[in-house]
Amino acid sequence: MSATPCGLSLVVLRNVPLFSGLEEHELEKLSRVAGRKRAERGASVVRAGDSTDSLYVLISGRAKVTNTDEEGREIILAWLGPGEFFGEMGLIDGSPRSANVVAAEACELLFLDKDSLQRCMQDNFQVAQKLMKILVLRLREADRKIESLALLDVYGRVARLLLDMSEIVDGNRIVKKKMSKQDMAKMIGASREMVSKVMRDLELSGYIRYENDILVIPGVA
């Protein structure tokens, strides 16, 4: 038997760190007011400048958070995967969306409206506290990116990006997520050609290698 919409929403909410401290009856209450939507690959989920009315949680698929520079070029600010959420800042200060979120592949999303989330935070201090911690973490990550752009050359920016994307699996540091050279370039403020050159140099120098199409960073724990 397939899960009901409410049942699936409950399962998703249980696995979102922001709501991990809630009691089961509180999660059930949230799941009853949660909505769901799908976005096909390339579709905009939210656009910069839109009014902020909901918090979104990715159930499946991947999405990218983007903006544009003064010349209209796309900049990728972050990648989002299942269980991650977005749209929380505008729910706090009432400002419009500050960035675009685009489905990088077909996505299913759960969303909570502004009033439901604010009631949840008023009734559960731990949710508000966790949200503050998450916002601080994202601010620190933004500071690191600004520092990289200001202080590191393209080699350093590519290396830091690969390390940030990597994870330890069976004692090896690997990069599981597939990302095109173009997308990497949009994340670090460089050209695709320069990123390709740096990746070739890193591979020839032995700093990275590919095993069954998986990027491995040897010698880094």
Protein backbone atom coordinates (compact mmCIF):
# COMPACT_ATOMS: atom_id res chain seq x y z
CA MET A 1 0.00 0.00 0.00
CA SER A 2 1.42 3.42 -0.93
CA ALA A 3 1.82 6.14 1.68
CA THR A 4 -0.83 8.84 1.89
CA PRO A 5 0.27 12.42 1.11
CA CYS A 6 0.03 13.26 4.81
CA GLY A 7 1.98 10.10 5.70
CA LEU A 8 4.77 10.92 3.25
CA SER A 9 4.95 14.49 4.55
CA LEU A 10 5.33 13.11 8.08
CA VAL A 11 8.21 10.84 6.99
CA VAL A 12 9.95 13.77 5.28
CA LEU A 13 9.54 16.08 8.27
CA ARG A 14 10.96 13.46 10.64
CA ASN A 15 14.20 13.52 8.65
CA VAL A 16 14.60 17.30 8.47
CA PRO A 17 17.12 18.37 11.16
CA LEU A 18 15.20 21.60 11.74
CA PHE A 19 12.22 19.62 13.11
CA SER A 20 14.10 16.74 14.74
CA GLY A 21 13.24 17.90 18.29
CA LEU A 22 9.48 17.91 17.77
CA GLU A 23 7.18 15.38 19.37
CA GLU A 24 5.31 12.99 17.08
CA HIS A 25 1.97 14.77 17.54
CA GLU A 26 3.63 18.08 16.63
CA LEU A 27 5.11 16.57 13.49
CA GLU A 28 1.72 15.13 12.59
CA LYS A 29 0.16 18.58 13.01
CA LEU A 30 2.74 20.09 10.64
CA SER A 31 2.33 17.28 8.12
CA ARG A 32 -1.41 17.98 7.85
CA VAL A 33 -0.79 21.57 6.69
CA ALA A 34 2.21 20.75 4.47
CA GLY A 35 1.77 20.81 0.70
CA ARG A 36 3.69 19.03 -2.04
CA LYS A 37 4.70 20.00 -5.56
CA ARG A 38 6.84 18.72 -8.41
CA ALA A 39 9.31 20.62 -10.56
CA GLU A 40 10.69 19.28 -13.81
CA ARG A 41 14.35 19.67 -14.68
CA GLY A 42 15.17 23.29 -15.50
CA ALA A 43 12.00 24.66 -13.92
CA SER A 44 12.17 27.56 -11.46
CA VAL A 45 10.90 26.70 -7.98
CA VAL A 46 11.26 30.27 -6.70
CA ARG A 47 12.57 33.45 -8.32
CA ALA A 48 14.56 36.32 -6.85
CA GLY A 49 12.22 39.20 -6.06
CA ASP A 50 9.14 37.02 -5.47
CA SER A 51 7.30 37.46 -2.19
CA THR A 52 8.29 34.87 0.41
CA ASP A 53 5.35 32.76 1.50
CA SER A 54 6.70 29.24 2.14
CA LEU A 55 9.59 27.13 3.40
CA TYR A 56 10.51 24.35 0.95
CA VAL A 57 12.05 20.95 1.71
CA LEU A 58 13.46 18.75 -1.07
CA ILE A 59 11.97 15.25 -0.97
CA SER A 60 13.88 13.99 -4.01
CA GLY A 61 16.07 15.36 -6.78
CA ARG A 62 18.62 18.17 -6.75
CA ALA A 63 18.26 21.92 -7.09
CA LYS A 64 20.67 24.82 -7.45
CA VAL A 65 20.47 28.23 -5.81
CA THR A 66 21.47 30.89 -8.34
CA ASN A 67 21.73 34.59 -8.92
CA THR A 68 23.08 36.77 -11.73
CA ASP A 69 25.94 39.25 -11.81
CA GLU A 70 25.82 42.74 -13.29
CA GLU A 71 26.42 41.33 -16.77
CA GLY A 72 23.60 38.82 -16.50
CA ARG A 73 25.82 35.76 -16.01
CA GLU A 74 24.52 33.00 -13.76
CA ILE A 75 26.28 32.45 -10.44
CA ILE A 76 25.64 29.23 -8.52
CA LEU A 77 25.47 29.95 -4.79
CA ALA A 78 24.68 26.43 -3.53
CA TRP A 79 23.45 22.96 -4.40
CA LEU A 80 20.58 21.33 -2.52
CA GLY A 81 19.73 17.65 -2.14
CA PRO A 82 17.03 15.53 -0.44
CA GLY A 83 16.25 16.66 3.11
CA GLU A 84 17.67 20.15 2.63
CA PHE A 85 15.45 23.21 2.79
CA PHE A 86 15.35 26.78 1.54
CA GLY A 87 13.25 29.93 1.79
CA GLU A 88 13.64 30.47 5.51
CA MET A 89 15.23 33.94 5.48
CA GLY A 90 12.29 35.79 3.97
CA LEU A 91 9.92 34.10 6.41
CA ILE A 92 11.83 35.77 9.24
CA ASP A 93 12.33 39.30 7.93
CA GLY A 94 9.49 39.50 5.40
CA SER A 95 11.84 40.38 2.51
CA PRO A 96 11.35 39.07 -1.04
CA ARG A 97 13.26 36.03 -2.28
CA SER A 98 16.97 36.88 -2.50
CA ALA A 99 17.89 34.20 -5.06
CA ASN A 100 16.50 31.80 -7.65
CA VAL A 101 16.10 28.09 -6.98
CA VAL A 102 16.09 25.95 -10.14
CA ALA A 103 15.51 22.20 -10.41
CA ALA A 104 18.76 20.64 -11.67
CA GLU A 105 16.81 17.40 -12.14
CA ALA A 106 13.18 16.42 -11.60
CA CYS A 107 12.33 17.30 -7.99
CA GLU A 108 9.56 16.65 -5.52
CA LEU A 109 9.18 19.22 -2.76
CA LEU A 110 7.26 19.68 0.45
CA PHE A 111 6.32 23.20 1.51
CA LEU A 112 5.06 24.86 4.68
CA ASP A 113 3.34 28.24 4.56
CA LYS A 114 4.65 31.21 6.52
CA ASP A 115 1.92 31.19 9.19
CA SER A 116 2.35 27.47 9.96
CA LEU A 117 6.13 27.78 10.33
CA GLN A 118 5.90 30.87 12.53
CA ARG A 119 3.35 29.18 14.81
CA CYS A 120 5.68 26.18 15.03
CA MET A 121 8.61 28.39 16.08
CA GLN A 122 6.47 30.27 18.63
CA ASP A 123 5.32 27.00 20.19
CA ASN A 124 8.72 25.24 20.04
CA PHE A 125 11.78 27.26 21.01
CA GLN A 126 14.13 24.46 19.88
CA VAL A 127 12.92 24.90 16.28
CA ALA A 128 13.66 28.64 16.38
CA GLN A 129 17.03 27.91 17.98
CA LYS A 130 17.97 25.36 15.34
CA LEU A 131 16.92 27.74 12.59
CA MET A 132 19.21 30.41 14.06
CA LYS A 133 22.11 27.94 14.16
CA ILE A 134 21.49 26.95 10.53
CA LEU A 135 21.41 30.61 9.47
CA VAL A 136 24.70 31.23 11.29
CA LEU A 137 26.25 28.20 9.56
CA ARG A 138 25.14 29.46 6.16
CA LEU A 139 26.55 32.90 6.95
CA ARG A 140 29.90 31.33 7.86
CA GLU A 141 29.87 29.37 4.59
CA ALA A 142 29.17 32.60 2.70
CA ASP A 143 32.12 34.24 4.47
CA ARG A 144 34.37 31.35 3.37
CA LYS A 145 33.26 31.74 -0.24
CA ILE A 146 33.93 35.47 -0.16
CA GLU A 147 37.35 34.79 1.35
CA SER A 148 38.12 32.25 -1.40
CA LEU A 149 37.15 34.67 -4.15
CA ALA A 150 39.24 37.43 -2.61
CA LEU A 151 42.36 35.52 -1.56
CA LEU A 152 42.70 32.34 -3.62
CA ASP A 153 43.65 31.91 -7.27
CA VAL A 154 41.60 29.61 -9.50
CA TYR A 155 43.68 26.57 -8.50
CA GLY A 156 42.94 27.27 -4.84
CA ARG A 157 39.25 27.87 -5.47
CA VAL A 158 38.88 24.62 -7.43
CA ALA A 159 40.73 22.69 -4.72
CA ARG A 160 38.57 24.16 -1.96
CA LEU A 161 35.38 23.44 -3.93
CA LEU A 162 36.40 19.80 -4.44
CA LEU A 163 37.21 19.41 -0.75
CA ASP A 164 33.90 21.02 0.26
CA MET A 165 32.00 18.64 -2.05
CA SER A 166 33.87 15.55 -0.92
CA GLU A 167 33.10 12.99 1.78
CA ILE A 168 34.93 10.10 3.43
CA VAL A 169 33.83 6.67 2.19
CA ASP A 170 35.72 3.55 3.32
CA GLY A 171 38.71 5.65 4.30
CA ASN A 172 38.88 7.47 0.96
CA ARG A 173 37.90 11.08 0.26
CA ILE A 174 35.66 11.06 -2.80
CA VAL A 175 33.34 13.42 -4.65
CA LYS A 176 30.07 11.61 -5.35
CA LYS A 177 28.08 14.51 -6.75
CA LYS A 178 28.32 14.97 -10.50
CA MET A 179 29.01 18.53 -11.55
CA SER A 180 29.90 19.91 -14.94
CA LYS A 181 32.95 22.14 -15.45
CA GLN A 182 30.52 24.91 -16.39
CA ASP A 183 28.70 24.61 -13.07
CA MET A 184 31.98 24.53 -11.18
CA ALA A 185 33.03 27.71 -12.98
CA LYS A 186 29.76 29.39 -11.98
CA MET A 187 30.40 28.51 -8.35
CA ILE A 188 33.95 29.89 -8.11
CA GLY A 189 33.82 32.86 -10.47
CA ALA A 190 36.05 31.50 -13.25
CA SER A 191 35.74 30.44 -16.87
CA ARG A 192 34.87 26.87 -17.87
CA GLU A 193 38.12 26.69 -19.87
CA MET A 194 40.19 27.64 -16.83
CA VAL A 195 38.41 25.11 -14.62
CA SER A 196 39.04 22.39 -17.24
CA LYS A 197 42.75 23.31 -17.32
CA VAL A 198 43.02 23.23 -13.52
CA MET A 199 41.26 19.84 -13.32
CA ARG A 200 43.63 18.41 -15.96
CA ASP A 201 46.64 19.76 -14.08
CA LEU A 202 45.40 18.36 -10.77
CA GLU A 203 44.87 14.95 -12.35
CA LEU A 204 48.28 14.92 -14.10
CA SER A 205 49.97 15.96 -10.85
CA GLY A 206 48.27 13.13 -8.94
CA TYR A 207 46.18 15.36 -6.67
CA ILE A 208 42.96 13.82 -8.00
CA ARG A 209 42.10 10.66 -9.93
CA TYR A 210 39.01 8.96 -11.31
CA GLU A 211 37.92 5.45 -10.33
CA ASN A 212 34.84 4.11 -12.13
CA ASP A 213 33.83 7.67 -12.94
CA ILE A 214 34.13 8.70 -9.27
CA LEU A 215 36.56 11.51 -8.40
CA VAL A 216 39.01 10.50 -5.65
CA ILE A 217 41.23 12.89 -3.70
CA PRO A 218 44.13 10.69 -2.52
CA GLY A 219 46.18 11.38 0.58
CA VAL A 220 43.60 13.69 2.22
CA ALA A 221 41.78 12.34 5.26
